[in-house]
Amino acid sequence: MRNMDQNPSNLLVVQLKRAGDIIVTTPVLPALKEALPQASIDFLVDKAFAPLLRHHPLLRAVHLYDRQAPWKTWRALRAAKYDVILDFQSSPRSILCGIASGAKFRAGYNVTFWGKFLNKAMKRPGRGQSVTEGKMDLVRWLFPQAGKAGDRKIFLQQSEMDWAGKILGQSPGSRNV
């Protein structure tokens, strides 16, 4: 397996599903940006969860995984020419995306069989550790210069906050959402 370039310029973070899993992955983004300030960071996610990431200021792009036509996703990822993929999902679907992307280096968790298709795979985090810190272990394993995890955070537009406020019975413009 090929070694990773220590100054990659084009990274893809992969966490395809589950809103909570995506939200607890967001703290790795500021740590990655701190470790690699010159790098562009993109995120691959199932379409249903893209709104959680759409306005994140540290992301250049949010790619949508097309379950009906995965080859469309694979072509888009290959065209992006990623140097490094951080696969926090480490599922058959996400591993295949990494392979199809042609990325020079793919890292994730050492899951049965599929972990063999990663350049670097570590044991999945266990009990007694927050999910975010488990994800940060993978980041720090690859980029020791990465700092602390950021906050679990999504970025909403004012119209989205107003909509949520309306549902919660708050007046438009409220910052309590």
N, C-alpha and C. Protein backbone atom coordinates (compact mmCIF):
# COMPACT_ATOMS: atom_id res chain seq x y z
N MET A 1 0.84 -1.18 0.00
CA MET A 1 0.00 0.00 0.00
C MET A 1 0.89 1.24 0.00
N ARG A 2 0.40 2.23 -0.62
CA ARG A 2 1.14 3.47 -0.80
C ARG A 2 1.10 4.33 0.47
N ASN A 3 2.19 5.05 0.74
CA ASN A 3 2.23 5.96 1.86
C ASN A 3 1.52 7.26 1.52
N MET A 4 1.06 7.93 2.56
CA MET A 4 0.32 9.17 2.37
C MET A 4 1.28 10.34 2.24
N ASP A 5 0.94 11.26 1.34
CA ASP A 5 1.62 12.54 1.23
C ASP A 5 1.32 13.32 2.51
N GLN A 6 2.33 13.83 3.17
CA GLN A 6 2.12 14.53 4.45
C GLN A 6 1.50 15.92 4.27
N ASN A 7 1.41 16.41 3.03
CA ASN A 7 0.78 17.70 2.76
C ASN A 7 -0.29 17.55 1.69
N PRO A 8 -1.29 16.73 1.94
CA PRO A 8 -2.33 16.56 0.92
C PRO A 8 -3.09 17.86 0.70
N SER A 9 -3.55 18.05 -0.51
CA SER A 9 -4.27 19.29 -0.82
C SER A 9 -5.76 19.09 -1.02
N ASN A 10 -6.18 17.84 -1.15
CA ASN A 10 -7.58 17.58 -1.49
C ASN A 10 -8.06 16.37 -0.69
N LEU A 11 -8.87 16.63 0.35
CA LEU A 11 -9.35 15.58 1.26
C LEU A 11 -10.85 15.37 1.13
N LEU A 12 -11.25 14.13 1.34
CA LEU A 12 -12.68 13.79 1.40
C LEU A 12 -12.96 13.09 2.72
N VAL A 13 -13.93 13.61 3.44
CA VAL A 13 -14.42 12.99 4.66
C VAL A 13 -15.68 12.22 4.28
N VAL A 14 -15.79 10.97 4.72
CA VAL A 14 -16.94 10.13 4.38
C VAL A 14 -17.66 9.70 5.65
N GLN A 15 -18.92 10.07 5.74
CA GLN A 15 -19.86 9.58 6.75
C GLN A 15 -21.21 9.65 6.06
N LEU A 16 -21.63 8.54 5.51
CA LEU A 16 -22.79 8.55 4.62
C LEU A 16 -24.12 8.77 5.31
N LYS A 17 -24.30 8.20 6.48
CA LYS A 17 -25.65 8.22 7.03
C LYS A 17 -25.71 8.44 8.52
N ARG A 18 -26.94 8.56 8.95
CA ARG A 18 -27.35 8.81 10.32
C ARG A 18 -26.99 10.24 10.74
N ALA A 19 -28.01 11.02 10.97
CA ALA A 19 -27.82 12.43 11.32
C ALA A 19 -26.87 12.59 12.50
N GLY A 20 -27.05 11.80 13.53
CA GLY A 20 -26.19 11.91 14.70
C GLY A 20 -24.74 11.61 14.38
N ASP A 21 -24.50 10.59 13.56
CA ASP A 21 -23.13 10.24 13.18
C ASP A 21 -22.48 11.37 12.37
N ILE A 22 -23.27 12.01 11.54
CA ILE A 22 -22.74 13.12 10.75
C ILE A 22 -22.41 14.30 11.66
N ILE A 23 -23.29 14.60 12.58
CA ILE A 23 -23.05 15.73 13.50
C ILE A 23 -21.82 15.47 14.36
N VAL A 24 -21.64 14.24 14.85
CA VAL A 24 -20.45 13.98 15.68
C VAL A 24 -19.17 13.86 14.85
N THR A 25 -19.30 13.88 13.53
CA THR A 25 -18.13 13.91 12.66
C THR A 25 -17.68 15.35 12.40
N THR A 26 -18.57 16.33 12.52
CA THR A 26 -18.21 17.71 12.20
C THR A 26 -17.04 18.26 13.02
N PRO A 27 -16.79 17.83 14.26
CA PRO A 27 -15.63 18.36 14.98
C PRO A 27 -14.27 18.02 14.37
N VAL A 28 -14.21 17.02 13.51
CA VAL A 28 -12.92 16.72 12.88
C VAL A 28 -12.56 17.78 11.83
N LEU A 29 -13.54 18.49 11.32
CA LEU A 29 -13.27 19.45 10.25
C LEU A 29 -12.35 20.59 10.69
N PRO A 30 -12.61 21.27 11.83
CA PRO A 30 -11.65 22.31 12.24
C PRO A 30 -10.27 21.74 12.58
N ALA A 31 -10.21 20.54 13.12
CA ALA A 31 -8.92 19.92 13.43
C ALA A 31 -8.15 19.64 12.15
N LEU A 32 -8.84 19.16 11.11
CA LEU A 32 -8.19 18.92 9.83
C LEU A 32 -7.72 20.22 9.20
N LYS A 33 -8.55 21.24 9.27
CA LYS A 33 -8.19 22.54 8.69
C LYS A 33 -7.00 23.15 9.42
N GLU A 34 -6.95 22.96 10.73
CA GLU A 34 -5.81 23.46 11.51
C GLU A 34 -4.53 22.71 11.12
N ALA A 35 -4.65 21.41 10.96
CA ALA A 35 -3.48 20.60 10.61
C ALA A 35 -3.03 20.82 9.18
N LEU A 36 -4.00 21.07 8.29
CA LEU A 36 -3.71 21.21 6.86
C LEU A 36 -4.40 22.46 6.31
N PRO A 37 -3.93 23.63 6.67
CA PRO A 37 -4.64 24.87 6.29
C PRO A 37 -4.76 25.08 4.78
N GLN A 38 -3.85 24.52 4.01
CA GLN A 38 -3.89 24.69 2.56
C GLN A 38 -4.86 23.72 1.88
N ALA A 39 -5.31 22.73 2.58
CA ALA A 39 -6.12 21.66 1.97
C ALA A 39 -7.57 22.07 1.78
N SER A 40 -8.15 21.58 0.70
CA SER A 40 -9.60 21.68 0.48
C SER A 40 -10.22 20.43 1.09
N ILE A 41 -11.34 20.62 1.79
CA ILE A 41 -12.01 19.50 2.44
C ILE A 41 -13.43 19.40 1.89
N ASP A 42 -13.78 18.20 1.43
CA ASP A 42 -15.13 17.90 0.96
C ASP A 42 -15.71 16.81 1.85
N PHE A 43 -17.01 16.57 1.71
CA PHE A 43 -17.71 15.59 2.54
C PHE A 43 -18.62 14.79 1.63
N LEU A 44 -18.65 13.47 1.81
CA LEU A 44 -19.56 12.59 1.09
C LEU A 44 -20.62 12.09 2.05
N VAL A 45 -21.89 12.24 1.67
CA VAL A 45 -23.01 11.94 2.55
C VAL A 45 -24.21 11.50 1.71
N ASP A 46 -25.09 10.70 2.31
CA ASP A 46 -26.36 10.39 1.64
C ASP A 46 -27.16 11.68 1.46
N LYS A 47 -27.92 11.74 0.39
CA LYS A 47 -28.67 12.95 0.03
C LYS A 47 -29.54 13.48 1.19
N ALA A 48 -30.18 12.59 1.91
CA ALA A 48 -31.10 13.01 2.98
C ALA A 48 -30.40 13.83 4.05
N PHE A 49 -29.09 13.65 4.23
CA PHE A 49 -28.38 14.31 5.31
C PHE A 49 -27.55 15.51 4.85
N ALA A 50 -27.55 15.79 3.56
CA ALA A 50 -26.76 16.91 3.02
C ALA A 50 -27.11 18.25 3.66
N PRO A 51 -28.38 18.53 4.00
CA PRO A 51 -28.67 19.83 4.62
C PRO A 51 -27.90 20.08 5.92
N LEU A 52 -27.48 19.05 6.59
CA LEU A 52 -26.70 19.23 7.82
C LEU A 52 -25.33 19.84 7.55
N LEU A 53 -24.85 19.70 6.33
CA LEU A 53 -23.49 20.13 5.99
C LEU A 53 -23.44 21.24 4.94
N ARG A 54 -24.54 21.50 4.30
CA ARG A 54 -24.58 22.38 3.13
C ARG A 54 -23.90 23.74 3.36
N HIS A 55 -24.01 24.31 4.53
CA HIS A 55 -23.49 25.65 4.77
C HIS A 55 -22.25 25.66 5.67
N HIS A 56 -21.61 24.52 5.83
CA HIS A 56 -20.44 24.47 6.71
C HIS A 56 -19.29 25.26 6.06
N PRO A 57 -18.77 26.26 6.78
CA PRO A 57 -17.76 27.14 6.18
C PRO A 57 -16.41 26.46 5.89
N LEU A 58 -16.13 25.32 6.49
CA LEU A 58 -14.85 24.66 6.25
C LEU A 58 -14.89 23.67 5.09
N LEU A 59 -16.08 23.46 4.54
CA LEU A 59 -16.22 22.51 3.43
C LEU A 59 -16.25 23.24 2.10
N ARG A 60 -15.48 22.73 1.15
CA ARG A 60 -15.53 23.27 -0.21
C ARG A 60 -16.77 22.74 -0.92
N ALA A 61 -17.07 21.44 -0.72
CA ALA A 61 -18.20 20.82 -1.41
C ALA A 61 -18.77 19.68 -0.57
N VAL A 62 -20.05 19.43 -0.80
CA VAL A 62 -20.72 18.28 -0.20
C VAL A 62 -21.18 17.40 -1.36
N HIS A 63 -20.62 16.20 -1.44
CA HIS A 63 -21.01 15.25 -2.48
C HIS A 63 -22.14 14.38 -1.95
N LEU A 64 -23.09 14.09 -2.83
CA LEU A 64 -24.22 13.25 -2.46
C LEU A 64 -24.02 11.84 -2.98
N TYR A 65 -24.19 10.89 -2.09
CA TYR A 65 -24.12 9.49 -2.51
C TYR A 65 -25.46 9.12 -3.13
N ASP A 66 -25.42 8.68 -4.38
CA ASP A 66 -26.64 8.30 -5.11
C ASP A 66 -26.81 6.78 -5.02
N ARG A 67 -27.71 6.35 -4.16
CA ARG A 67 -27.93 4.91 -3.96
C ARG A 67 -28.52 4.23 -5.20
N GLN A 68 -29.25 5.00 -6.01
CA GLN A 68 -29.87 4.43 -7.20
C GLN A 68 -28.88 4.29 -8.36
N ALA A 69 -27.83 5.14 -8.33
CA ALA A 69 -26.83 5.10 -9.40
C ALA A 69 -25.46 5.41 -8.80
N PRO A 70 -24.90 4.44 -8.07
CA PRO A 70 -23.62 4.73 -7.39
C PRO A 70 -22.49 5.10 -8.35
N TRP A 71 -22.53 4.63 -9.58
CA TRP A 71 -21.48 4.95 -10.54
C TRP A 71 -21.42 6.45 -10.80
N LYS A 72 -22.55 7.17 -10.65
CA LYS A 72 -22.52 8.64 -10.79
C LYS A 72 -21.68 9.25 -9.66
N THR A 73 -21.87 8.73 -8.47
CA THR A 73 -21.08 9.20 -7.33
C THR A 73 -19.62 8.87 -7.57
N TRP A 74 -19.33 7.66 -7.99
CA TRP A 74 -17.95 7.24 -8.21
C TRP A 74 -17.26 8.14 -9.24
N ARG A 75 -17.97 8.46 -10.33
CA ARG A 75 -17.38 9.33 -11.36
C ARG A 75 -17.09 10.72 -10.80
N ALA A 76 -18.01 11.26 -10.03
CA ALA A 76 -17.80 12.59 -9.44
C ALA A 76 -16.61 12.59 -8.50
N LEU A 77 -16.47 11.53 -7.70
CA LEU A 77 -15.34 11.44 -6.78
C LEU A 77 -14.02 11.30 -7.54
N ARG A 78 -14.03 10.50 -8.59
CA ARG A 78 -12.81 10.32 -9.39
C ARG A 78 -12.41 11.65 -10.04
N ALA A 79 -13.39 12.40 -10.51
CA ALA A 79 -13.11 13.70 -11.14
C ALA A 79 -12.52 14.70 -10.15
N ALA A 80 -12.87 14.56 -8.87
CA ALA A 80 -12.36 15.49 -7.84
C ALA A 80 -10.90 15.24 -7.50
N LYS A 81 -10.36 14.07 -7.83
CA LYS A 81 -8.94 13.74 -7.64
C LYS A 81 -8.48 13.94 -6.20
N TYR A 82 -9.06 13.18 -5.31
CA TYR A 82 -8.70 13.27 -3.89
C TYR A 82 -7.35 12.64 -3.61
N ASP A 83 -6.60 13.30 -2.73
CA ASP A 83 -5.33 12.77 -2.25
C ASP A 83 -5.57 11.79 -1.09
N VAL A 84 -6.49 12.17 -0.20
CA VAL A 84 -6.75 11.39 1.01
C VAL A 84 -8.26 11.29 1.23
N ILE A 85 -8.69 10.09 1.60
CA ILE A 85 -10.07 9.88 2.02
C ILE A 85 -10.05 9.38 3.46
N LEU A 86 -10.81 10.05 4.31
CA LEU A 86 -11.00 9.62 5.70
C LEU A 86 -12.39 9.01 5.77
N ASP A 87 -12.44 7.70 5.81
CA ASP A 87 -13.71 6.98 5.75
C ASP A 87 -14.16 6.61 7.17
N PHE A 88 -14.97 7.47 7.76
CA PHE A 88 -15.46 7.22 9.11
C PHE A 88 -16.62 6.22 9.11
N GLN A 89 -17.21 5.98 7.95
CA GLN A 89 -18.28 4.99 7.82
C GLN A 89 -17.68 3.58 7.79
N SER A 90 -16.69 3.40 6.94
CA SER A 90 -16.01 2.11 6.76
C SER A 90 -17.00 0.97 6.57
N SER A 91 -17.89 1.17 5.63
CA SER A 91 -18.87 0.16 5.25
C SER A 91 -18.56 -0.29 3.82
N PRO A 92 -19.14 -1.37 3.36
CA PRO A 92 -18.89 -1.77 1.98
C PRO A 92 -19.16 -0.63 0.97
N ARG A 93 -20.25 0.08 1.17
CA ARG A 93 -20.61 1.18 0.26
C ARG A 93 -19.54 2.28 0.28
N SER A 94 -19.10 2.68 1.46
CA SER A 94 -18.13 3.77 1.53
C SER A 94 -16.74 3.34 1.06
N ILE A 95 -16.37 2.10 1.35
CA ILE A 95 -15.07 1.59 0.89
C ILE A 95 -15.05 1.54 -0.64
N LEU A 96 -16.16 1.11 -1.25
CA LEU A 96 -16.23 1.07 -2.71
C LEU A 96 -16.12 2.47 -3.31
N CYS A 97 -16.69 3.46 -2.64
CA CYS A 97 -16.55 4.85 -3.10
C CYS A 97 -15.08 5.25 -3.08
N GLY A 98 -14.38 4.89 -2.02
CA GLY A 98 -12.96 5.21 -1.93
C GLY A 98 -12.15 4.56 -3.02
N ILE A 99 -12.42 3.29 -3.27
CA ILE A 99 -11.70 2.57 -4.33
C ILE A 99 -11.98 3.21 -5.68
N ALA A 100 -13.26 3.46 -5.97
CA ALA A 100 -13.65 4.02 -7.26
C ALA A 100 -13.11 5.44 -7.45
N SER A 101 -12.87 6.15 -6.35
CA SER A 101 -12.39 7.53 -6.46
C SER A 101 -10.98 7.62 -7.05
N GLY A 102 -10.23 6.56 -6.88
CA GLY A 102 -8.84 6.60 -7.32
C GLY A 102 -7.95 7.37 -6.37
N ALA A 103 -8.44 7.68 -5.17
CA ALA A 103 -7.64 8.43 -4.19
C ALA A 103 -6.33 7.71 -3.92
N LYS A 104 -5.30 8.48 -3.73
CA LYS A 104 -3.98 7.92 -3.47
C LYS A 104 -3.90 7.22 -2.12
N PHE A 105 -4.68 7.71 -1.15
CA PHE A 105 -4.59 7.18 0.20
C PHE A 105 -5.97 7.17 0.83
N ARG A 106 -6.33 6.01 1.39
CA ARG A 106 -7.64 5.84 2.03
C ARG A 106 -7.44 5.28 3.43
N ALA A 107 -8.04 5.95 4.41
CA ALA A 107 -7.92 5.50 5.80
C ALA A 107 -9.30 5.36 6.40
N GLY A 108 -9.43 4.42 7.32
CA GLY A 108 -10.70 4.19 7.99
C GLY A 108 -10.51 3.18 9.10
N TYR A 109 -11.57 2.42 9.34
CA TYR A 109 -11.55 1.45 10.43
C TYR A 109 -11.37 0.04 9.88
N ASN A 110 -10.71 -0.78 10.65
CA ASN A 110 -10.39 -2.14 10.24
C ASN A 110 -11.59 -3.05 10.47
N VAL A 111 -12.52 -2.99 9.53
CA VAL A 111 -13.71 -3.83 9.60
C VAL A 111 -13.43 -5.13 8.85
N THR A 112 -14.14 -6.17 9.23
CA THR A 112 -13.94 -7.48 8.63
C THR A 112 -14.00 -7.38 7.10
N PHE A 113 -13.06 -7.96 6.46
CA PHE A 113 -12.87 -8.02 5.02
C PHE A 113 -12.63 -6.66 4.38
N TRP A 114 -13.54 -5.70 4.52
CA TRP A 114 -13.46 -4.43 3.82
C TRP A 114 -12.28 -3.57 4.27
N GLY A 115 -11.83 -3.74 5.49
CA GLY A 115 -10.68 -2.98 5.97
C GLY A 115 -9.41 -3.24 5.18
N LYS A 116 -9.37 -4.37 4.48
CA LYS A 116 -8.21 -4.73 3.67
C LYS A 116 -8.03 -3.81 2.47
N PHE A 117 -9.08 -3.05 2.12
CA PHE A 117 -9.04 -2.18 0.96
C PHE A 117 -8.65 -0.75 1.31
N LEU A 118 -8.21 -0.54 2.55
CA LEU A 118 -7.74 0.76 3.00
C LEU A 118 -6.21 0.74 3.07
N ASN A 119 -5.58 1.88 2.83
CA ASN A 119 -4.13 1.97 3.00
C ASN A 119 -3.76 1.88 4.47
N LYS A 120 -4.60 2.48 5.31
CA LYS A 120 -4.33 2.47 6.74
C LYS A 120 -5.66 2.29 7.45
N ALA A 121 -5.71 1.29 8.32
CA ALA A 121 -6.95 1.00 9.04
C ALA A 121 -6.64 0.80 10.51
N MET A 122 -7.43 1.43 11.35
CA MET A 122 -7.26 1.26 12.78
C MET A 122 -8.51 0.62 13.37
N LYS A 123 -8.36 0.10 14.55
CA LYS A 123 -9.48 -0.52 15.24
C LYS A 123 -10.57 0.53 15.49
N ARG A 124 -11.82 0.12 15.30
CA ARG A 124 -12.94 1.02 15.57
C ARG A 124 -12.92 1.42 17.04
N PRO A 125 -13.25 2.69 17.35
CA PRO A 125 -13.26 3.12 18.75
C PRO A 125 -14.23 2.27 19.58
N GLY A 126 -13.88 2.08 20.82
CA GLY A 126 -14.70 1.23 21.68
C GLY A 126 -15.47 2.02 22.72
N ARG A 127 -16.03 1.29 23.63
CA ARG A 127 -16.81 1.88 24.72
C ARG A 127 -15.89 2.69 25.63
N GLY A 128 -16.48 3.65 26.32
CA GLY A 128 -15.72 4.47 27.23
C GLY A 128 -15.06 5.66 26.56
N GLN A 129 -15.31 5.84 25.27
CA GLN A 129 -14.74 6.95 24.53
C GLN A 129 -15.86 7.59 23.72
N SER A 130 -15.89 8.92 23.66
CA SER A 130 -16.92 9.57 22.86
C SER A 130 -16.69 9.23 21.39
N VAL A 131 -17.75 9.24 20.63
CA VAL A 131 -17.65 8.94 19.20
C VAL A 131 -16.75 9.97 18.52
N THR A 132 -16.91 11.23 18.90
CA THR A 132 -16.07 12.27 18.31
C THR A 132 -14.59 12.02 18.59
N GLU A 133 -14.25 11.68 19.82
CA GLU A 133 -12.84 11.41 20.12
C GLU A 133 -12.34 10.18 19.38
N GLY A 134 -13.20 9.20 19.17
CA GLY A 134 -12.81 8.05 18.38
C GLY A 134 -12.48 8.44 16.95
N LYS A 135 -13.26 9.35 16.39
CA LYS A 135 -12.98 9.84 15.04
C LYS A 135 -11.70 10.68 15.03
N MET A 136 -11.49 11.44 16.10
CA MET A 136 -10.27 12.24 16.19
C MET A 136 -9.04 11.36 16.31
N ASP A 137 -9.17 10.18 16.90
CA ASP A 137 -8.04 9.25 16.96
C ASP A 137 -7.54 8.93 15.56
N LEU A 138 -8.47 8.72 14.63
CA LEU A 138 -8.09 8.43 13.25
C LEU A 138 -7.41 9.65 12.63
N VAL A 139 -7.96 10.84 12.86
CA VAL A 139 -7.36 12.06 12.33
C VAL A 139 -5.95 12.23 12.88
N ARG A 140 -5.78 12.09 14.18
CA ARG A 140 -4.45 12.29 14.80
C ARG A 140 -3.46 11.19 14.41
N TRP A 141 -3.96 10.00 14.13
CA TRP A 141 -3.12 8.90 13.69
C TRP A 141 -2.46 9.27 12.36
N LEU A 142 -3.23 9.96 11.51
CA LEU A 142 -2.72 10.35 10.20
C LEU A 142 -2.01 11.69 10.22
N PHE A 143 -2.53 12.61 11.02
CA PHE A 143 -2.01 13.97 11.09
C PHE A 143 -1.75 14.33 12.54
N PRO A 144 -0.60 13.95 13.06
CA PRO A 144 -0.30 14.19 14.49
C PRO A 144 -0.36 15.67 14.88
N GLN A 145 -0.22 16.56 13.90
CA GLN A 145 -0.26 17.98 14.18
C GLN A 145 -1.68 18.50 14.39
N ALA A 146 -2.69 17.66 14.20
CA ALA A 146 -4.09 18.08 14.39
C ALA A 146 -4.31 18.44 15.85
N GLY A 147 -5.02 19.50 16.06
CA GLY A 147 -5.31 19.96 17.42
C GLY A 147 -6.53 19.29 18.00
N LYS A 148 -7.18 20.01 18.89
CA LYS A 148 -8.38 19.50 19.54
C LYS A 148 -9.55 19.45 18.56
N ALA A 149 -10.48 18.60 18.89
CA ALA A 149 -11.71 18.53 18.11
C ALA A 149 -12.48 19.84 18.28
N GLY A 150 -13.17 20.24 17.25
CA GLY A 150 -14.03 21.42 17.33
C GLY A 150 -15.35 21.04 18.00
N ASP A 151 -16.31 21.92 17.89
CA ASP A 151 -17.64 21.67 18.44
C ASP A 151 -18.48 20.86 17.46
N ARG A 152 -19.44 20.15 17.99
CA ARG A 152 -20.44 19.49 17.15
C ARG A 152 -21.38 20.59 16.69
N LYS A 153 -21.38 20.83 15.38
CA LYS A 153 -22.04 22.04 14.93
C LYS A 153 -22.57 21.89 13.51
N ILE A 154 -23.77 22.44 13.30
CA ILE A 154 -24.29 22.60 11.95
C ILE A 154 -24.54 24.09 11.75
N PHE A 155 -24.52 24.52 10.51
CA PHE A 155 -24.68 25.93 10.18
C PHE A 155 -25.96 26.10 9.38
N LEU A 156 -26.88 26.85 9.94
CA LEU A 156 -28.18 27.06 9.32
C LEU A 156 -28.29 28.47 8.76
N GLN A 157 -29.05 28.61 7.70
CA GLN A 157 -29.38 29.92 7.15
C GLN A 157 -30.49 30.53 7.99
N GLN A 158 -30.66 31.84 7.92
CA GLN A 158 -31.69 32.50 8.71
C GLN A 158 -33.08 31.94 8.36
N SER A 159 -33.33 31.66 7.09
CA SER A 159 -34.64 31.12 6.70
C SER A 159 -34.90 29.76 7.36
N GLU A 160 -33.85 28.96 7.52
CA GLU A 160 -33.98 27.66 8.18
C GLU A 160 -34.24 27.84 9.67
N MET A 161 -33.56 28.81 10.28
CA MET A 161 -33.80 29.08 11.69
C MET A 161 -35.20 29.63 11.92
N ASP A 162 -35.67 30.49 11.00
CA ASP A 162 -37.03 31.03 11.11
C ASP A 162 -38.06 29.91 10.99
N TRP A 163 -37.83 28.99 10.06
CA TRP A 163 -38.75 27.86 9.89
C TRP A 163 -38.80 27.02 11.16
N ALA A 164 -37.62 26.70 11.72
CA ALA A 164 -37.57 25.91 12.95
C ALA A 164 -38.22 26.67 14.10
N GLY A 165 -37.98 27.97 14.16
CA GLY A 165 -38.59 28.79 15.21
C GLY A 165 -40.11 28.79 15.11
N LYS A 166 -40.59 28.84 13.89
CA LYS A 166 -42.06 28.81 13.68
C LYS A 166 -42.64 27.50 14.19
N ILE A 167 -41.96 26.40 13.88
CA ILE A 167 -42.40 25.08 14.34
C ILE A 167 -42.39 25.04 15.87
N LEU A 168 -41.40 25.69 16.48
CA LEU A 168 -41.27 25.70 17.94
C LEU A 168 -42.06 26.82 18.60
N GLY A 169 -42.77 27.62 17.79
CA GLY A 169 -43.61 28.69 18.34
C GLY A 169 -42.83 29.94 18.73
N GLN A 170 -41.67 30.17 18.09
CA GLN A 170 -40.88 31.37 18.38
C GLN A 170 -41.09 32.41 17.30
N SER A 171 -40.78 33.66 17.60
CA SER A 171 -40.93 34.73 16.62
C SER A 171 -39.78 34.68 15.62
N PRO A 172 -40.00 35.13 14.37
CA PRO A 172 -38.94 35.15 13.36
C PRO A 172 -37.73 35.95 13.84
N GLY A 173 -36.53 35.49 13.48
CA GLY A 173 -35.31 36.16 13.87
C GLY A 173 -34.78 35.74 15.23
N SER A 174 -35.51 34.89 15.93
CA SER A 174 -35.05 34.42 17.25
C SER A 174 -33.77 33.62 17.11
N ARG A 175 -32.86 33.76 18.03
CA ARG A 175 -31.59 33.02 18.00
C ARG A 175 -31.63 31.81 18.91
N ASN A 176 -32.81 31.43 19.40
CA ASN A 176 -32.93 30.32 20.35
C ASN A 176 -33.11 28.96 19.70
N VAL A 177 -33.06 28.89 18.38
CA VAL A 177 -33.28 27.62 17.68
C VAL A 177 -32.02 26.80 17.76
